[in-house]
Amino acid sequence: KPKARIEEYFALKQLLELRGTSGKKSKEDGKNGGAILCFYGPPGVGKTSLANSIATALKRKLIRIALGGLEDVNELRGHRRTYIGAMPGRIVQGLIEANQMNPVIVLDEIDKISSSYKGDPTAVLLEILDPEQNSNFRDYYLNFNIDLSKIIFIATANDVSLIPAPLRDRMEFIELSSYTPQEKFQIAKDYLIPQELQRHGLKSADVAINPAALSEIIEEYTRESGVRNLRRQIAAIFRKVAVKILKDKEFKKIVVTTKNLSEFLNKKVFEIDEVEKRDQIGIVNGLAWTAVGGDVLKIEAVKIKGKGAMTITGQLGDVMKESAQIAFSVVKVLIDEGKLKAAQDAKAGAAKDSRAGKNSALRANGGASKSPAAAQNSGVEENSEGQNSEQIYNKFDLHIHVPEGATPKDGPSAGITMSTAIASILSEREVRADLAMTGEITLSGKVLPIGGLKEKLIAAHKAKIAEVLIPRKNYERDLAEIPNEVKNDLKITPVDRIEEVLKLALV
């Protein structure tokens, strides 16, 4: 997708140049063929590398402007010459360095700009990036208008939501999402290993990394969505090889295998533990999106004798706390409506059957006549199952915990997971250990769509999960973006309502 969109962007520019009206510069020529491109995604997925590749392909100079932490407007606009130490803004400095008016300028980390008493740099960026305005950009130091419309601006960001709305409106976002283990393997084999060999002064005759060892490095030594840490681990192996070459006079080619990998790398960092083999009550596999890709998030619930209070722990944000409250209310409604049998219902039903047997025996013995009080008691007995259902959640306090309390967690996709954990505890039914789920829930029990599906399904695939429950809307619109290796290994089931989730999840 990113490659196709970049091709379209430059095809449009080229077409405008080819069909320019008889040498005259049309009004549209200077508008960069549309919007400003912004690559966004987790760290290490190649956003800046892609911008560098664009500059190389166009044979233009590349200017990189790091915007992280920038808060002074004059850094972009330039200082007036009346001040001591005045200098042009970064854009003009970039043009001077490039010695041309049409370089590729990469605005790195555009989501990390901060405003202060010195002004708001995002307001200046509006003028710099807006195709309608940037043909007459005024730098305070030069004090005359400059045409920036020939520059190709490419922005990079980790989190789009942090970019101010007016600036976001002028950009077209191209997502670079997490790599699958197979994609990382191919990138390492074709690019990272040859590059690191060259950087360390080594040759392929000196060292080789076995495919099985490379897979183990990817799965057990790195925790990321990109390939930055993978490059570091490969570099660590090659450094040790370089030391051995210098120390050992009779050096022979080293082949790194799964057996001798621990000699080169320190310790394993297990990215995702495989799921439990045993079904358990109150433990559900949830799926989470993080800045470094997806993760399997276990949600645990226990009940303690009490009065129906609920405690939520695990350093959760407001959204997840509200999800837990909604989940509790949804499960209460299911119990009240009889759609979910609470743990005491079965006992109450058995007691009711035995009482019914006694009453029929009495009637057979001629004891059919009842006093009004006896009739009333009999009515209570008949409704005792309903009363137990109504009271079950008032007899216990619930404690919901999302493990790793040191890690902050928030987001609107744990609704059905928390509902399943609460339903499992109150009904004392086990939850399938090979099942994971993601989806937000409404008070009426409807399952709402979520974001970050690709990362979440990749995490489920790594954790050897058999089936994943996802909202139907995500199933209909996002499944095309999921890699085939993940889709082939996972059974992906769409759900609309909480009743469907509980039917599939509870044993």
Protein backbone atom coordinates (compact mmCIF):
# COMPACT_ATOMS: atom_id res chain seq x y z
CA LYS A 1 0.00 0.00 0.00
CA PRO A 2 2.67 2.62 0.88
CA LYS A 3 4.58 1.84 -2.33
CA ALA A 4 1.44 2.07 -4.49
CA ARG A 5 0.44 5.40 -2.91
CA ILE A 6 3.93 6.88 -3.39
CA GLU A 7 3.85 5.79 -7.06
CA GLU A 8 0.48 7.51 -7.52
CA TYR A 9 1.81 10.68 -5.87
CA PHE A 10 4.77 10.96 -8.23
CA ALA A 11 2.83 9.81 -11.28
CA LEU A 12 0.51 12.78 -10.72
CA LYS A 13 3.47 15.17 -10.40
CA GLN A 14 5.07 13.81 -13.58
CA LEU A 15 1.81 14.03 -15.51
CA LEU A 16 1.38 17.67 -14.48
CA GLU A 17 4.90 18.43 -15.70
CA LEU A 18 4.41 16.57 -19.01
CA ARG A 19 1.08 18.22 -19.74
CA GLY A 20 2.01 21.71 -18.57
CA THR A 21 0.27 24.29 -20.79
CA SER A 22 2.86 25.25 -23.45
CA GLY A 23 5.63 26.21 -21.06
CA LYS A 24 3.34 28.31 -18.87
CA LYS A 25 3.31 27.36 -15.23
CA SER A 26 -0.24 26.45 -14.38
CA LYS A 27 -1.62 27.30 -10.98
CA GLU A 28 -1.86 23.63 -10.05
CA ASP A 29 1.76 22.78 -10.99
CA GLY A 30 3.13 24.17 -7.77
CA LYS A 31 0.78 22.27 -5.50
CA ASN A 32 2.93 19.13 -5.25
CA GLY A 33 0.30 17.01 -6.92
CA GLY A 34 -1.93 17.05 -3.84
CA ALA A 35 -1.38 16.57 -0.14
CA ILE A 36 1.74 16.31 2.02
CA LEU A 37 2.64 12.66 2.67
CA CYS A 38 2.99 11.56 6.29
CA PHE A 39 4.31 8.08 7.09
CA TYR A 40 3.11 6.87 10.48
CA GLY A 41 3.61 3.70 12.44
CA PRO A 42 5.61 2.13 15.30
CA PRO A 43 9.37 2.80 15.70
CA GLY A 44 11.75 0.87 13.45
CA VAL A 45 9.40 0.02 10.58
CA GLY A 46 11.29 2.14 8.03
CA LYS A 47 9.50 5.50 7.85
CA THR A 48 12.67 7.61 7.54
CA SER A 49 14.30 4.97 5.30
CA LEU A 50 11.36 5.22 2.92
CA ALA A 51 11.74 9.01 2.73
CA ASN A 52 15.47 8.53 2.02
CA SER A 53 14.60 6.09 -0.78
CA ILE A 54 12.25 8.66 -2.34
CA ALA A 55 15.05 11.26 -2.43
CA THR A 56 17.43 8.71 -3.98
CA ALA A 57 14.86 7.68 -6.61
CA LEU A 58 14.22 11.32 -7.58
CA LYS A 59 17.97 12.15 -7.57
CA ARG A 60 17.28 15.10 -5.27
CA LYS A 61 19.07 16.23 -2.12
CA LEU A 62 17.59 15.05 1.17
CA ILE A 63 17.21 17.49 4.06
CA ARG A 64 16.16 16.03 7.41
CA ILE A 65 14.65 18.36 10.01
CA ALA A 66 14.12 16.74 13.42
CA LEU A 67 11.06 18.36 14.99
CA GLY A 68 11.11 16.37 18.26
CA GLY A 69 10.85 18.80 21.18
CA LEU A 70 10.87 21.91 18.94
CA GLU A 71 9.05 24.75 20.71
CA ASP A 72 10.52 28.02 19.33
CA VAL A 73 8.65 29.41 16.32
CA ASN A 74 11.79 31.29 15.20
CA GLU A 75 13.56 27.95 14.63
CA LEU A 76 11.32 27.55 11.56
CA ARG A 77 10.61 31.17 10.65
CA GLY A 78 14.06 32.63 11.27
CA HIS A 79 15.04 35.49 13.63
CA ARG A 80 14.78 39.16 12.71
CA ARG A 81 18.20 40.61 11.97
CA THR A 82 17.86 43.19 14.77
CA TYR A 83 18.66 40.42 17.32
CA ILE A 84 22.16 39.25 18.22
CA GLY A 85 22.80 35.75 16.94
CA ALA A 86 19.99 35.99 14.37
CA MET A 87 19.95 33.25 11.74
CA PRO A 88 17.60 31.95 9.03
CA GLY A 89 14.93 29.36 9.84
CA ARG A 90 15.57 25.64 9.42
CA ILE A 91 13.70 25.46 6.09
CA VAL A 92 15.87 28.19 4.52
CA GLN A 93 19.02 26.65 6.04
CA GLY A 94 18.02 23.36 4.40
CA LEU A 95 17.64 25.06 0.99
CA ILE A 96 21.09 26.66 1.40
CA GLU A 97 22.64 23.26 2.29
CA ALA A 98 20.90 21.52 -0.63
CA ASN A 99 21.90 24.33 -3.03
CA GLN A 100 18.61 23.80 -4.86
CA MET A 101 14.99 24.94 -4.52
CA ASN A 102 13.37 21.51 -4.90
CA PRO A 103 14.93 19.10 -2.37
CA VAL A 104 13.10 16.40 -0.42
CA ILE A 105 12.61 17.69 3.14
CA VAL A 106 11.81 15.09 5.80
CA LEU A 107 10.01 16.51 8.84
CA ASP A 108 10.88 13.82 11.37
CA GLU A 109 8.70 13.16 14.45
CA ILE A 110 6.07 15.78 13.58
CA ASP A 111 3.88 14.42 16.41
CA LYS A 112 6.45 15.44 19.05
CA ILE A 113 6.37 19.22 18.54
CA SER A 114 5.55 21.11 21.74
CA SER A 115 4.15 24.62 22.14
CA SER A 116 5.33 27.07 24.84
CA TYR A 117 5.42 30.81 25.63
CA LYS A 118 7.72 31.15 22.58
CA GLY A 119 4.80 30.33 20.32
CA ASP A 120 3.25 27.32 18.63
CA PRO A 121 5.47 25.85 15.85
CA THR A 122 2.53 23.89 14.41
CA ALA A 123 0.96 27.19 13.34
CA VAL A 124 4.09 28.00 11.26
CA LEU A 125 4.08 24.48 9.83
CA LEU A 126 0.57 25.18 8.50
CA GLU A 127 1.99 27.91 6.27
CA ILE A 128 5.04 25.84 5.30
CA LEU A 129 3.03 22.74 4.34
CA ASP A 130 -0.20 24.20 2.93
CA PRO A 131 0.05 24.11 -0.92
CA GLU A 132 -2.23 27.17 -1.06
CA GLN A 133 0.12 29.31 1.06
CA ASN A 134 3.70 28.06 0.76
CA SER A 135 4.44 29.69 -2.61
CA ASN A 136 4.85 32.95 -0.63
CA PHE A 137 6.57 31.88 2.60
CA ARG A 138 8.33 34.76 4.38
CA ASP A 139 11.43 34.02 6.41
CA TYR A 140 12.04 36.78 9.01
CA TYR A 141 15.81 36.75 8.52
CA LEU A 142 15.73 37.07 4.72
CA ASN A 143 12.64 39.32 4.86
CA PHE A 144 11.34 38.42 1.41
CA ASN A 145 8.97 35.75 0.11
CA ILE A 146 10.30 32.33 -0.92
CA ASP A 147 8.51 29.77 -3.08
CA LEU A 148 8.43 26.46 -1.17
CA SER A 149 5.95 24.82 -3.55
CA LYS A 150 8.65 22.89 -5.43
CA ILE A 151 9.89 21.17 -2.27
CA ILE A 152 8.62 17.67 -1.56
CA PHE A 153 7.72 17.56 2.13
CA ILE A 154 7.46 14.16 3.80
CA ALA A 155 6.51 13.94 7.47
CA THR A 156 6.96 10.99 9.84
CA ALA A 157 5.05 10.28 13.07
CA ASN A 158 4.45 7.50 15.59
CA ASP A 159 1.03 8.61 16.82
CA VAL A 160 -1.30 10.52 14.48
CA SER A 161 -3.64 11.57 17.30
CA LEU A 162 -0.91 13.83 18.77
CA ILE A 163 -0.71 15.94 15.58
CA PRO A 164 -2.96 19.06 15.86
CA ALA A 165 -6.17 18.79 13.78
CA PRO A 166 -5.49 21.75 11.39
CA LEU A 167 -2.07 20.27 10.52
CA ARG A 168 -3.53 16.77 10.21
CA ASP A 169 -6.05 18.13 7.71
CA ARG A 170 -3.25 19.09 5.28
CA MET A 171 -1.61 15.67 5.27
CA GLU A 172 -2.28 12.34 3.68
CA PHE A 173 -1.41 9.49 6.04
CA ILE A 174 0.25 6.31 4.88
CA GLU A 175 0.48 3.62 7.55
CA LEU A 176 3.57 1.46 7.92
CA SER A 177 2.41 -1.25 10.28
CA SER A 178 4.23 -3.99 12.19
CA TYR A 179 6.15 -6.71 10.39
CA THR A 180 5.23 -10.38 10.76
CA PRO A 181 8.01 -12.78 11.87
CA GLN A 182 8.27 -14.06 8.28
CA GLU A 183 8.68 -10.50 6.93
CA LYS A 184 11.37 -9.79 9.55
CA PHE A 185 13.16 -12.99 8.52
CA GLN A 186 13.28 -11.92 4.84
CA ILE A 187 14.36 -8.33 5.73
CA ALA A 188 17.18 -9.69 7.93
CA LYS A 189 18.33 -12.18 5.30
CA ASP A 190 18.23 -9.78 2.32
CA TYR A 191 19.24 -6.47 3.93
CA LEU A 192 20.27 -6.42 7.58
CA ILE A 193 22.87 -9.23 7.51
CA PRO A 194 24.65 -8.00 4.31
CA GLN A 195 24.64 -4.39 5.65
CA GLU A 196 26.02 -5.39 9.06
CA LEU A 197 28.69 -7.63 7.48
CA GLN A 198 29.93 -4.61 5.54
CA ARG A 199 29.80 -2.31 8.59
CA HIS A 200 31.86 -4.76 10.67
CA GLY A 201 34.45 -5.45 7.98
CA LEU A 202 33.37 -9.08 7.69
CA LYS A 203 32.68 -11.33 4.71
CA SER A 204 30.15 -14.12 4.19
CA ALA A 205 33.17 -16.49 4.34
CA ASP A 206 33.76 -15.44 7.98
CA VAL A 207 30.31 -15.92 9.51
CA ALA A 208 26.84 -17.24 8.65
CA ILE A 209 23.62 -17.26 10.65
CA ASN A 210 21.58 -20.42 10.36
CA PRO A 211 17.87 -19.86 9.32
CA ALA A 212 16.70 -21.60 12.53
CA ALA A 213 18.98 -19.36 14.62
CA LEU A 214 17.72 -16.26 12.80
CA SER A 215 14.11 -17.28 13.53
CA GLU A 216 15.01 -17.77 17.20
CA ILE A 217 16.60 -14.28 17.37
CA ILE A 218 13.41 -12.80 15.90
CA GLU A 219 11.03 -14.69 18.19
CA GLU A 220 12.94 -14.86 21.48
CA TYR A 221 15.53 -12.06 21.56
CA THR A 222 13.57 -9.08 20.21
CA ARG A 223 10.36 -7.39 21.28
CA GLU A 224 9.34 -4.87 18.63
CA SER A 225 7.17 -4.22 15.61
CA GLY A 226 10.05 -2.99 13.42
CA VAL A 227 13.56 -4.40 12.90
CA ARG A 228 15.76 -1.97 14.86
CA ASN A 229 16.48 -4.36 17.77
CA LEU A 230 16.92 -7.22 15.32
CA ARG A 231 19.69 -5.20 13.63
CA ARG A 232 21.30 -4.62 17.06
CA GLN A 233 21.26 -8.34 17.88
CA ILE A 234 22.88 -9.21 14.51
CA ALA A 235 25.50 -6.49 15.14
CA ALA A 236 26.20 -7.98 18.61
CA ILE A 237 26.91 -11.39 17.02
CA PHE A 238 29.23 -9.85 14.41
CA ARG A 239 31.19 -7.87 17.04
CA LYS A 240 31.99 -11.09 18.88
CA VAL A 241 33.02 -12.72 15.58
CA ALA A 242 35.35 -9.75 14.87
CA VAL A 243 37.03 -10.25 18.27
CA LYS A 244 37.50 -13.98 17.56
CA ILE A 245 39.07 -13.26 14.15
CA LEU A 246 41.68 -11.01 15.77
CA LYS A 247 42.40 -13.34 18.71
CA ASP A 248 42.40 -16.69 16.89
CA LYS A 249 45.21 -17.12 14.37
CA GLU A 250 43.70 -20.34 12.99
CA PHE A 251 40.25 -18.86 12.54
CA LYS A 252 37.63 -20.93 10.72
CA LYS A 253 34.21 -19.84 9.49
CA ILE A 254 31.67 -19.52 12.30
CA VAL A 255 28.15 -20.79 11.72
CA VAL A 256 25.68 -19.46 14.30
CA THR A 257 23.10 -22.15 15.14
CA THR A 258 20.40 -22.51 17.79
CA LYS A 259 22.88 -24.53 19.91
CA ASN A 260 25.68 -21.94 20.06
CA LEU A 261 23.45 -18.81 19.87
CA SER A 262 23.68 -18.28 23.65
CA GLU A 263 27.47 -17.79 23.29
CA PHE A 264 26.87 -14.68 21.17
CA LEU A 265 23.75 -13.17 22.74
CA ASN A 266 23.15 -12.59 26.44
CA LYS A 267 19.60 -13.51 27.39
CA LYS A 268 16.28 -14.23 25.79
CA VAL A 269 13.55 -11.61 25.89
CA PHE A 270 10.41 -13.67 25.34
CA GLU A 271 8.13 -11.49 23.29
CA ILE A 272 4.90 -13.40 23.86
CA ASP A 273 4.49 -16.46 26.07
CA GLU A 274 2.50 -19.28 24.57
CA VAL A 275 -0.98 -19.57 26.00
CA GLU A 276 -1.85 -21.91 28.86
CA LYS A 277 -2.82 -25.42 27.82
CA ARG A 278 -5.48 -25.79 30.53
CA ASP A 279 -8.90 -24.10 30.54
CA GLN A 280 -9.37 -22.01 33.70
CA ILE A 281 -12.14 -20.08 35.45
CA GLY A 282 -11.82 -16.30 35.32
CA ILE A 283 -8.70 -16.07 33.09
CA VAL A 284 -9.27 -14.76 29.55
CA ASN A 285 -6.81 -13.99 26.73
CA GLY A 286 -7.31 -10.42 25.52
CA LEU A 287 -5.46 -8.78 22.63
CA ALA A 288 -3.82 -5.37 22.98
CA TRP A 289 -2.17 -2.87 20.63
CA THR A 290 1.06 -1.31 21.89
CA ALA A 291 3.58 1.12 20.40
CA VAL A 292 5.86 -1.82 19.63
CA GLY A 293 3.20 -4.04 18.04
CA GLY A 294 0.54 -6.32 19.47
CA ASP A 295 0.49 -8.30 22.69
CA VAL A 296 -1.61 -10.98 24.38
CA LEU A 297 -3.03 -9.51 27.57
CA LYS A 298 -4.41 -11.94 30.14
CA ILE A 299 -7.31 -10.58 32.17
CA GLU A 300 -7.93 -12.28 35.53
CA ALA A 301 -10.99 -12.15 37.78
CA VAL A 302 -11.73 -13.61 41.23
CA LYS A 303 -14.73 -13.41 43.53
CA ILE A 304 -14.56 -12.88 47.28
CA LYS A 305 -17.49 -12.97 49.72
CA GLY A 306 -18.84 -9.46 49.96
CA LYS A 307 -21.66 -7.14 48.85
CA GLY A 308 -21.26 -6.77 45.08
CA ALA A 309 -18.40 -4.25 44.91
CA MET A 310 -15.80 -4.35 42.15
CA THR A 311 -12.05 -3.62 42.38
CA ILE A 312 -9.99 -3.01 39.22
CA THR A 313 -6.15 -3.12 39.30
CA GLY A 314 -3.27 -3.17 36.81
CA GLN A 315 -2.61 0.56 36.22
CA LEU A 316 -5.54 0.99 33.82
CA GLY A 317 -6.64 4.22 32.17
CA ASP A 318 -10.13 5.70 32.47
CA VAL A 319 -11.39 4.02 29.28
CA MET A 320 -10.50 0.52 30.51
CA LYS A 321 -11.98 1.20 33.96
CA GLU A 322 -15.23 2.25 32.31
CA SER A 323 -15.11 -0.87 30.12
CA ALA A 324 -14.94 -2.98 33.30
CA GLN A 325 -17.99 -1.18 34.78
CA ILE A 326 -19.94 -1.67 31.53
CA ALA A 327 -18.90 -5.34 31.40
CA PHE A 328 -20.14 -5.92 34.99
CA SER A 329 -23.52 -4.31 34.18
CA VAL A 330 -23.86 -6.35 30.96
CA VAL A 331 -23.22 -9.63 32.82
CA LYS A 332 -25.72 -8.64 35.56
CA VAL A 333 -28.38 -8.09 32.87
CA LEU A 334 -27.60 -11.49 31.28
CA ILE A 335 -28.01 -13.19 34.66
CA ASP A 336 -31.25 -11.33 35.40
CA GLU A 337 -32.69 -12.29 32.00
CA GLY A 338 -31.69 -15.93 32.51
CA LYS A 339 -29.35 -15.94 29.48
CA LEU A 340 -26.39 -16.78 31.77
CA LYS A 341 -26.78 -19.31 34.58
CA ALA A 342 -25.04 -18.13 37.74
CA ALA A 343 -23.05 -20.62 39.84
CA GLN A 344 -25.81 -21.00 42.48
CA ASP A 345 -28.58 -21.49 39.91
CA ALA A 346 -27.78 -25.16 39.35
CA LYS A 347 -27.89 -25.82 43.11
CA ALA A 348 -31.14 -23.87 43.42
CA GLY A 349 -32.62 -25.81 40.50
CA ALA A 350 -31.66 -29.15 42.10
CA ALA A 351 -33.19 -28.08 45.45
CA LYS A 352 -36.35 -26.98 43.65
CA ASP A 353 -36.66 -30.37 41.89
CA SER A 354 -36.30 -32.25 45.18
CA ARG A 355 -38.93 -30.00 46.81
CA ALA A 356 -41.25 -30.56 43.85
CA GLY A 357 -40.78 -34.32 44.31
CA LYS A 358 -41.72 -34.06 48.00
CA ASN A 359 -44.83 -31.97 47.23
CA SER A 360 -46.05 -34.48 44.62
CA ALA A 361 -45.55 -37.29 47.16
CA LEU A 362 -47.60 -35.32 49.70
CA ARG A 363 -50.36 -34.80 47.14
CA ALA A 364 -50.35 -38.52 46.37
CA ASN A 365 -50.85 -39.18 50.08
CA GLY A 366 -53.92 -36.94 50.15
CA GLY A 367 -52.16 -33.80 51.35
CA ALA A 368 -53.30 -31.74 48.32
CA SER A 369 -55.11 -29.05 50.37
CA LYS A 370 -52.88 -26.08 51.28
CA SER A 371 -53.20 -23.21 53.68
CA PRO A 372 -52.71 -19.68 52.21
CA ALA A 373 -49.30 -19.50 53.96
CA ALA A 374 -48.26 -22.82 52.44
CA ALA A 375 -49.35 -21.64 48.99
CA GLN A 376 -47.33 -18.48 49.44
CA ASN A 377 -44.26 -20.51 50.45
CA SER A 378 -44.69 -22.70 47.42
CA GLY A 379 -44.66 -19.57 45.21
CA VAL A 380 -41.39 -18.42 46.80
CA GLU A 381 -39.87 -21.79 46.12
CA GLU A 382 -40.84 -21.61 42.47
CA ASN A 383 -39.16 -18.21 42.14
CA SER A 384 -36.14 -19.16 44.23
CA GLU A 385 -34.04 -19.69 41.08
CA GLY A 386 -34.82 -16.12 40.00
CA GLN A 387 -33.97 -14.75 43.43
CA ASN A 388 -30.65 -16.58 43.47
CA SER A 389 -29.90 -15.20 40.00
CA GLU A 390 -30.70 -11.72 41.19
CA GLN A 391 -28.59 -11.98 44.31
CA ILE A 392 -25.51 -13.86 43.09
CA TYR A 393 -23.58 -10.73 42.14
CA ASN A 394 -24.58 -9.02 45.40
CA LYS A 395 -23.11 -11.84 47.49
CA PHE A 396 -19.57 -11.48 46.15
CA ASP A 397 -17.01 -8.73 45.59
CA LEU A 398 -15.21 -9.01 42.26
CA HIS A 399 -11.53 -8.22 41.70
CA ILE A 400 -10.39 -7.77 38.10
CA HIS A 401 -6.65 -7.55 37.43
CA VAL A 402 -4.64 -7.04 34.24
CA PRO A 403 -1.14 -8.44 34.99
CA GLU A 404 2.08 -6.44 34.87
CA GLY A 405 0.84 -3.62 37.06
CA ALA A 406 3.95 -1.52 36.26
CA THR A 407 2.83 -1.16 32.63
CA PRO A 408 0.16 1.53 31.98
CA LYS A 409 -2.74 0.21 29.89
CA ASP A 410 -5.67 1.95 28.27
CA GLY A 411 -7.88 1.63 25.22
CA PRO A 412 -11.38 0.75 24.12
CA SER A 413 -10.98 -2.90 23.14
CA ALA A 414 -11.12 -4.96 26.34
CA GLY A 415 -14.91 -4.85 26.82
CA ILE A 416 -15.78 -8.38 25.69
CA THR A 417 -12.66 -9.80 27.41
CA MET A 418 -13.68 -8.33 30.78
CA SER A 419 -17.30 -9.43 30.28
CA THR A 420 -16.13 -13.00 29.63
CA ALA A 421 -13.90 -12.98 32.75
CA ILE A 422 -16.77 -11.73 34.96
CA ALA A 423 -19.27 -14.18 33.39
CA SER A 424 -16.82 -17.05 33.92
CA ILE A 425 -16.36 -16.21 37.62
CA LEU A 426 -20.07 -15.77 38.39
CA SER A 427 -21.11 -18.90 36.48
CA GLU A 428 -18.03 -20.91 37.55
CA ARG A 429 -17.50 -22.06 33.97
CA GLU A 430 -14.02 -22.39 32.49
CA VAL A 431 -12.82 -20.21 29.60
CA ARG A 432 -11.13 -21.80 26.59
CA ALA A 433 -7.35 -21.42 26.91
CA ASP A 434 -6.75 -21.56 23.13
CA LEU A 435 -9.13 -18.63 22.47
CA ALA A 436 -8.37 -14.89 22.43
CA MET A 437 -10.69 -11.95 21.81
CA THR A 438 -10.82 -8.21 21.18
CA GLY A 439 -13.77 -5.85 20.97
CA GLU A 440 -15.56 -3.06 22.80
CA ILE A 441 -19.00 -3.60 24.27
CA THR A 442 -22.10 -1.45 24.78
CA LEU A 443 -24.56 -1.67 27.68
CA SER A 444 -27.02 -3.43 25.37
CA GLY A 445 -24.44 -6.17 24.70
CA LYS A 446 -23.45 -5.13 21.17
CA VAL A 447 -19.81 -5.67 20.11
CA LEU A 448 -18.20 -2.56 18.59
CA PRO A 449 -15.22 -2.43 16.16
CA ILE A 450 -11.65 -1.72 17.33
CA GLY A 451 -8.32 -0.54 15.87
CA GLY A 452 -4.89 -2.16 15.49
CA LEU A 453 -6.34 -5.49 14.29
CA LYS A 454 -3.26 -6.51 12.28
CA GLU A 455 -0.89 -6.15 15.25
CA LYS A 456 -3.32 -7.96 17.56
CA LEU A 457 -3.74 -10.94 15.20
CA ILE A 458 0.04 -11.19 14.67
CA ALA A 459 0.41 -11.35 18.49
CA ALA A 460 -2.23 -14.12 18.67
CA HIS A 461 -0.42 -15.99 15.89
CA LYS A 462 2.90 -15.79 17.79
CA ALA A 463 1.26 -17.00 21.01
CA LYS A 464 -0.03 -20.14 19.21
CA ILE A 465 -3.69 -19.24 19.77
CA ALA A 466 -6.17 -21.36 17.80
CA GLU A 467 -9.18 -19.04 17.49
CA VAL A 468 -9.73 -15.29 17.78
CA LEU A 469 -13.05 -13.51 18.24
CA ILE A 470 -13.24 -10.09 16.56
CA PRO A 471 -16.10 -7.61 15.91
CA ARG A 472 -18.00 -8.31 12.67
CA LYS A 473 -17.30 -4.83 11.25
CA ASN A 474 -13.55 -5.43 11.56
CA TYR A 475 -14.04 -8.85 9.94
CA GLU A 476 -15.77 -7.25 6.95
CA ARG A 477 -13.44 -4.29 6.38
CA ASP A 478 -9.95 -5.11 7.79
CA LEU A 479 -9.36 -8.77 7.00
CA ALA A 480 -7.80 -8.03 3.59
CA GLU A 481 -4.85 -6.31 5.33
CA ILE A 482 -3.98 -9.35 7.48
CA PRO A 483 -0.97 -11.38 6.21
CA ASN A 484 -1.91 -14.78 4.73
CA GLU A 485 0.40 -16.72 7.07
CA VAL A 486 -1.58 -15.33 10.03
CA LYS A 487 -4.99 -15.96 8.43
CA ASN A 488 -4.05 -19.54 7.52
CA ASP A 489 -2.96 -20.43 11.08
CA LEU A 490 -5.77 -18.64 12.97
CA LYS A 491 -9.47 -19.32 12.98
CA ILE A 492 -10.96 -15.80 12.93
CA THR A 493 -14.59 -15.68 14.06
CA PRO A 494 -16.75 -12.53 13.76
CA VAL A 495 -19.17 -11.73 16.63
CA ASP A 496 -22.03 -9.23 16.94
CA ARG A 497 -23.24 -9.70 20.50
CA ILE A 498 -21.90 -10.71 23.92
CA GLU A 499 -24.15 -13.82 23.93
CA GLU A 500 -22.21 -15.19 20.92
CA VAL A 501 -18.89 -14.45 22.67
CA LEU A 502 -19.91 -16.32 25.84
CA LYS A 503 -21.28 -19.25 23.84
CA LEU A 504 -17.92 -19.68 22.08
CA ALA A 505 -15.66 -18.84 25.05
CA LEU A 506 -17.21 -20.63 28.05
CA VAL A 507 -16.76 -24.37 28.30
